[in-house]
Amino acid sequence: MVKISELRTREVVNILDGSKLGNIIDIDLDVERGKIVALVLPGPNRLFSFFSRREDVVVPWHKINKIGRDVILVEVPALEPGNTRD
């Protein structure tokens, strides 16, 4: 069994290109079914401005390949506007 607080400390890595996507900042839950729907990761900052808004990256649960001790391996295509959430 793994606690959500423990998941948040693990680095998320995309196995398609080896890129580090960051740590989990939120989790989408289906409370009616009691299941995790997706992991929410921080998106890249636009132009590194204090006034820019960061869009979160949502990784659906079925895209998670392995949850290890130190890392979570996911399989997601390159980030596109359709892969982000407001």
Foldseek 3Di string as FASTA:
>chain_A
DDDPVQQQQAWEAAPVVRDTQGGFPDWDADVVVGDTFWTKGWADFDVPDPPTDTWIFTAGPVQWDDDDNHYTYGHDDPDDPVRTHD
